[in-house]
Amino acid sequence: AIGGVSVGEPEPEMMKAVEYTEPFLPADKARYAMGLGTPAQLVELVARGVDMFDCV
């Protein structure tokens, strides 16, 4: 899971954090981003390897 990256930081910083974190996550498990998700962000995050979201 990737969390704590949508609490007010600029979107480019959020994406950098996701890109940095993604290689450390198991390749055979779903990748979950907590609390993220404008429609445009969902597209970008899927492109960066995220599989699941909970958007609020």
PDB file of N, CA and C in Angstrom:
ATOM      1  N   ALA A   1       0.841  -1.185   0.000  1.00  0.00           N
ATOM      2  CA  ALA A   1       0.000   0.000   0.000  1.00  0.00           C
ATOM      3  C   ALA A   1       0.879   1.240   0.000  1.00  0.00           C
ATOM      4  N   ILE A   2       0.378   2.254  -0.648  1.00  0.00           N
ATOM      5  CA  ILE A   2       1.045   3.554  -0.669  1.00  0.00           C
ATOM      6  C   ILE A   2       0.089   4.525  -0.001  1.00  0.00           C
ATOM      7  N   GLY A   3       0.511   5.153   1.060  1.00  0.00           N
ATOM      8  CA  GLY A   3      -0.358   6.082   1.770  1.00  0.00           C
ATOM      9  C   GLY A   3       0.395   7.321   2.202  1.00  0.00           C
ATOM     10  N   GLY A   4      -0.359   8.330   2.587  1.00  0.00           N
ATOM     11  CA  GLY A   4       0.247   9.556   3.068  1.00  0.00           C
ATOM     12  C   GLY A   4       0.815  10.447   1.988  1.00  0.00           C
ATOM     13  N   VAL A   5       0.411  10.213   0.745  1.00  0.00           N
ATOM     14  CA  VAL A   5       0.945  11.035  -0.344  1.00  0.00           C
ATOM     15  C   VAL A   5      -0.113  11.952  -0.942  1.00  0.00           C
ATOM     16  N   SER A   6      -1.198  12.122  -0.253  1.00  0.00           N
ATOM     17  CA  SER A   6      -2.234  13.030  -0.773  1.00  0.00           C
ATOM     18  C   SER A   6      -2.765  13.906   0.349  1.00  0.00           C
ATOM     19  N   VAL A   7      -1.857  14.451   1.116  1.00  0.00           N
ATOM     20  CA  VAL A   7      -2.255  15.267   2.263  1.00  0.00           C
ATOM     21  C   VAL A   7      -1.811  16.719   2.106  1.00  0.00           C
ATOM     22  N   GLY A   8      -1.857  17.205   0.873  1.00  0.00           N
ATOM     23  CA  GLY A   8      -1.588  18.613   0.646  1.00  0.00           C
ATOM     24  C   GLY A   8      -0.356  18.930  -0.178  1.00  0.00           C
ATOM     25  N   GLU A   9       0.484  17.942  -0.452  1.00  0.00           N
ATOM     26  CA  GLU A   9       1.655  18.242  -1.264  1.00  0.00           C
ATOM     27  C   GLU A   9       1.250  18.428  -2.721  1.00  0.00           C
ATOM     28  N   PRO A  10       2.069  19.129  -3.490  1.00  0.00           N
ATOM     29  CA  PRO A  10       1.760  19.307  -4.912  1.00  0.00           C
ATOM     30  C   PRO A  10       1.704  17.960  -5.632  1.00  0.00           C
ATOM     31  N   GLU A  11       0.876  17.880  -6.656  1.00  0.00           N
ATOM     32  CA  GLU A  11       0.710  16.627  -7.396  1.00  0.00           C
ATOM     33  C   GLU A  11       2.027  16.072  -7.936  1.00  0.00           C
ATOM     34  N   PRO A  12       2.936  16.900  -8.483  1.00  0.00           N
ATOM     35  CA  PRO A  12       4.208  16.327  -8.956  1.00  0.00           C
ATOM     36  C   PRO A  12       4.986  15.611  -7.844  1.00  0.00           C
ATOM     37  N   GLU A  13       4.933  16.132  -6.627  1.00  0.00           N
ATOM     38  CA  GLU A  13       5.609  15.477  -5.505  1.00  0.00           C
ATOM     39  C   GLU A  13       4.934  14.157  -5.160  1.00  0.00           C
ATOM     40  N   MET A  14       3.609  14.125  -5.226  1.00  0.00           N
ATOM     41  CA  MET A  14       2.867  12.899  -4.970  1.00  0.00           C
ATOM     42  C   MET A  14       3.272  11.830  -5.986  1.00  0.00           C
ATOM     43  N   MET A  15       3.326  12.195  -7.257  1.00  0.00           N
ATOM     44  CA  MET A  15       3.684  11.239  -8.299  1.00  0.00           C
ATOM     45  C   MET A  15       5.124  10.750  -8.120  1.00  0.00           C
ATOM     46  N   LYS A  16       6.037  11.641  -7.720  1.00  0.00           N
ATOM     47  CA  LYS A  16       7.415  11.230  -7.461  1.00  0.00           C
ATOM     48  C   LYS A  16       7.472  10.211  -6.333  1.00  0.00           C
ATOM     49  N   ALA A  17       6.676  10.415  -5.287  1.00  0.00           N
ATOM     50  CA  ALA A  17       6.650   9.479  -4.161  1.00  0.00           C
ATOM     51  C   ALA A  17       6.129   8.117  -4.604  1.00  0.00           C
ATOM     52  N   VAL A  18       5.099   8.106  -5.443  1.00  0.00           N
ATOM     53  CA  VAL A  18       4.558   6.843  -5.953  1.00  0.00           C
ATOM     54  C   VAL A  18       5.603   6.145  -6.822  1.00  0.00           C
ATOM     55  N   GLU A  19       6.252   6.877  -7.702  1.00  0.00           N
ATOM     56  CA  GLU A  19       7.278   6.289  -8.567  1.00  0.00           C
ATOM     57  C   GLU A  19       8.433   5.717  -7.757  1.00  0.00           C
ATOM     58  N   TYR A  20       8.822   6.402  -6.687  1.00  0.00           N
ATOM     59  CA  TYR A  20       9.908   5.919  -5.840  1.00  0.00           C
ATOM     60  C   TYR A  20       9.502   4.648  -5.100  1.00  0.00           C
ATOM     61  N   THR A  21       8.277   4.612  -4.599  1.00  0.00           N
ATOM     62  CA  THR A  21       7.801   3.518  -3.759  1.00  0.00           C
ATOM     63  C   THR A  21       7.488   2.259  -4.554  1.00  0.00           C
ATOM     64  N   GLU A  22       6.952   2.413  -5.736  1.00  0.00           N
ATOM     65  CA  GLU A  22       6.440   1.284  -6.527  1.00  0.00           C
ATOM     66  C   GLU A  22       7.436   0.136  -6.684  1.00  0.00           C
ATOM     67  N   PRO A  23       8.716   0.359  -6.970  1.00  0.00           N
ATOM     68  CA  PRO A  23       9.632  -0.772  -7.144  1.00  0.00           C
ATOM     69  C   PRO A  23       9.839  -1.611  -5.881  1.00  0.00           C
ATOM     70  N   PHE A  24       9.543  -1.051  -4.714  1.00  0.00           N
ATOM     71  CA  PHE A  24       9.724  -1.776  -3.460  1.00  0.00           C
ATOM     72  C   PHE A  24       8.537  -2.674  -3.123  1.00  0.00           C
ATOM     73  N   LEU A  25       7.439  -2.516  -3.841  1.00  0.00           N
ATOM     74  CA  LEU A  25       6.248  -3.322  -3.582  1.00  0.00           C
ATOM     75  C   LEU A  25       6.347  -4.652  -4.325  1.00  0.00           C
ATOM     76  N   PRO A  26       5.817  -5.729  -3.733  1.00  0.00           N
ATOM     77  CA  PRO A  26       5.888  -7.035  -4.399  1.00  0.00           C
ATOM     78  C   PRO A  26       5.193  -7.013  -5.760  1.00  0.00           C
ATOM     79  N   ALA A  27       5.852  -7.554  -6.760  1.00  0.00           N
ATOM     80  CA  ALA A  27       5.301  -7.549  -8.119  1.00  0.00           C
ATOM     81  C   ALA A  27       4.088  -8.454  -8.256  1.00  0.00           C
ATOM     82  N   ASP A  28       3.971  -9.454  -7.387  1.00  0.00           N
ATOM     83  CA  ASP A  28       2.865 -10.408  -7.490  1.00  0.00           C
ATOM     84  C   ASP A  28       1.675 -10.050  -6.601  1.00  0.00           C
ATOM     85  N   LYS A  29       1.669  -8.849  -6.052  1.00  0.00           N
ATOM     86  CA  LYS A  29       0.577  -8.384  -5.190  1.00  0.00           C
ATOM     87  C   LYS A  29      -0.037  -7.118  -5.776  1.00  0.00           C
ATOM     88  N   ALA A  30      -1.305  -6.901  -5.440  1.00  0.00           N
ATOM     89  CA  ALA A  30      -1.969  -5.665  -5.876  1.00  0.00           C
ATOM     90  C   ALA A  30      -1.310  -4.467  -5.206  1.00  0.00           C
ATOM     91  N   ARG A  31      -1.258  -3.371  -5.917  1.00  0.00           N
ATOM     92  CA  ARG A  31      -0.685  -2.122  -5.398  1.00  0.00           C
ATOM     93  C   ARG A  31      -1.820  -1.152  -5.137  1.00  0.00           C
ATOM     94  N   TYR A  32      -1.920  -0.724  -3.904  1.00  0.00           N
ATOM     95  CA  TYR A  32      -3.061   0.042  -3.408  1.00  0.00           C
ATOM     96  C   TYR A  32      -2.605   1.424  -2.987  1.00  0.00           C
ATOM     97  N   ALA A  33      -3.255   2.458  -3.499  1.00  0.00           N
ATOM     98  CA  ALA A  33      -2.974   3.839  -3.117  1.00  0.00           C
ATOM     99  C   ALA A  33      -4.146   4.363  -2.302  1.00  0.00           C
ATOM    100  N   MET A  34      -3.867   4.761  -1.074  1.00  0.00           N
ATOM    101  CA  MET A  34      -4.913   5.197  -0.152  1.00  0.00           C
ATOM    102  C   MET A  34      -5.248   6.670  -0.345  1.00  0.00           C
ATOM    103  N   GLY A  35      -6.535   6.959  -0.463  1.00  0.00           N
ATOM    104  CA  GLY A  35      -7.025   8.323  -0.455  1.00  0.00           C
ATOM    105  C   GLY A  35      -6.680   9.158  -1.670  1.00  0.00           C
ATOM    106  N   LEU A  36      -6.384   8.529  -2.779  1.00  0.00           N
ATOM    107  CA  LEU A  36      -6.018   9.266  -3.983  1.00  0.00           C
ATOM    108  C   LEU A  36      -7.125   9.187  -5.004  1.00  0.00           C
ATOM    109  N   GLY A  37      -7.166  10.170  -5.860  1.00  0.00           N
ATOM    110  CA  GLY A  37      -7.918   9.898  -7.023  1.00  0.00           C
ATOM    111  C   GLY A  37      -8.850  10.868  -7.665  1.00  0.00           C
ATOM    112  N   THR A  38      -8.327  11.929  -8.248  1.00  0.00           N
ATOM    113  CA  THR A  38      -9.129  12.614  -9.247  1.00  0.00           C
ATOM    114  C   THR A  38      -9.098  11.713 -10.476  1.00  0.00           C
ATOM    115  N   PRO A  39     -10.021  11.865 -11.405  1.00  0.00           N
ATOM    116  CA  PRO A  39      -9.975  11.012 -12.602  1.00  0.00           C
ATOM    117  C   PRO A  39      -8.618  11.062 -13.317  1.00  0.00           C
ATOM    118  N   ALA A  40      -8.052  12.236 -13.448  1.00  0.00           N
ATOM    119  CA  ALA A  40      -6.748  12.346 -14.119  1.00  0.00           C
ATOM    120  C   ALA A  40      -5.653  11.649 -13.314  1.00  0.00           C
ATOM    121  N   GLN A  41      -5.699  11.766 -11.984  1.00  0.00           N
ATOM    122  CA  GLN A  41      -4.712  11.094 -11.145  1.00  0.00           C
ATOM    123  C   GLN A  41      -4.820   9.578 -11.263  1.00  0.00           C
ATOM    124  N   LEU A  42      -6.046   9.062 -11.352  1.00  0.00           N
ATOM    125  CA  LEU A  42      -6.216   7.615 -11.482  1.00  0.00           C
ATOM    126  C   LEU A  42      -5.510   7.098 -12.732  1.00  0.00           C
ATOM    127  N   VAL A  43      -5.672   7.808 -13.837  1.00  0.00           N
ATOM    128  CA  VAL A  43      -5.010   7.405 -15.085  1.00  0.00           C
ATOM    129  C   VAL A  43      -3.492   7.427 -14.902  1.00  0.00           C
ATOM    130  N   GLU A  44      -2.970   8.491 -14.319  1.00  0.00           N
ATOM    131  CA  GLU A  44      -1.524   8.608 -14.101  1.00  0.00           C
ATOM    132  C   GLU A  44      -1.008   7.522 -13.166  1.00  0.00           C
ATOM    133  N   LEU A  45      -1.762   7.232 -12.113  1.00  0.00           N
ATOM    134  CA  LEU A  45      -1.315   6.241 -11.138  1.00  0.00           C
ATOM    135  C   LEU A  45      -1.363   4.824 -11.699  1.00  0.00           C
ATOM    136  N   VAL A  46      -2.364   4.520 -12.503  1.00  0.00           N
ATOM    137  CA  VAL A  46      -2.396   3.207 -13.164  1.00  0.00           C
ATOM    138  C   VAL A  46      -1.165   3.065 -14.059  1.00  0.00           C
ATOM    139  N   ALA A  47      -0.805   4.122 -14.762  1.00  0.00           N
ATOM    140  CA  ALA A  47       0.386   4.089 -15.615  1.00  0.00           C
ATOM    141  C   ALA A  47       1.661   3.867 -14.806  1.00  0.00           C
ATOM    142  N   ARG A  48       1.623   4.224 -13.526  1.00  0.00           N
ATOM    143  CA  ARG A  48       2.777   4.053 -12.637  1.00  0.00           C
ATOM    144  C   ARG A  48       2.705   2.755 -11.834  1.00  0.00           C
ATOM    145  N   GLY A  49       1.741   1.884 -12.161  1.00  0.00           N
ATOM    146  CA  GLY A  49       1.705   0.569 -11.546  1.00  0.00           C
ATOM    147  C   GLY A  49       0.731   0.369 -10.407  1.00  0.00           C
ATOM    148  N   VAL A  50      -0.097   1.365 -10.095  1.00  0.00           N
ATOM    149  CA  VAL A  50      -1.064   1.222  -9.007  1.00  0.00           C
ATOM    150  C   VAL A  50      -2.303   0.508  -9.538  1.00  0.00           C
ATOM    151  N   ASP A  51      -2.822  -0.431  -8.738  1.00  0.00           N
ATOM    152  CA  ASP A  51      -3.960  -1.252  -9.153  1.00  0.00           C
ATOM    153  C   ASP A  51      -5.280  -0.867  -8.496  1.00  0.00           C
ATOM    154  N   MET A  52      -5.237  -0.400  -7.243  1.00  0.00           N
ATOM    155  CA  MET A  52      -6.468  -0.133  -6.484  1.00  0.00           C
ATOM    156  C   MET A  52      -6.370   1.215  -5.786  1.00  0.00           C
ATOM    157  N   PHE A  53      -7.548   1.803  -5.553  1.00  0.00           N
ATOM    158  CA  PHE A  53      -7.631   3.126  -4.934  1.00  0.00           C
ATOM    159  C   PHE A  53      -8.821   3.159  -3.992  1.00  0.00           C
ATOM    160  N   ASP A  54      -8.782   4.064  -3.025  1.00  0.00           N
ATOM    161  CA  ASP A  54      -9.989   4.446  -2.311  1.00  0.00           C
ATOM    162  C   ASP A  54     -10.019   5.966  -2.333  1.00  0.00           C
ATOM    163  N   CYS A  55     -10.932   6.496  -3.063  1.00  0.00           N
ATOM    164  CA  CYS A  55     -11.017   7.935  -3.286  1.00  0.00           C
ATOM    165  C   CYS A  55     -12.047   8.531  -2.339  1.00  0.00           C
ATOM    166  N   VAL A  56     -11.680   9.636  -1.738  1.00  0.00           N
ATOM    167  CA  VAL A  56     -12.614  10.330  -0.851  1.00  0.00           C
ATOM    168  C   VAL A  56     -12.772  11.767  -1.277  1.00  0.00           C
TER     169      VAL A  56
END
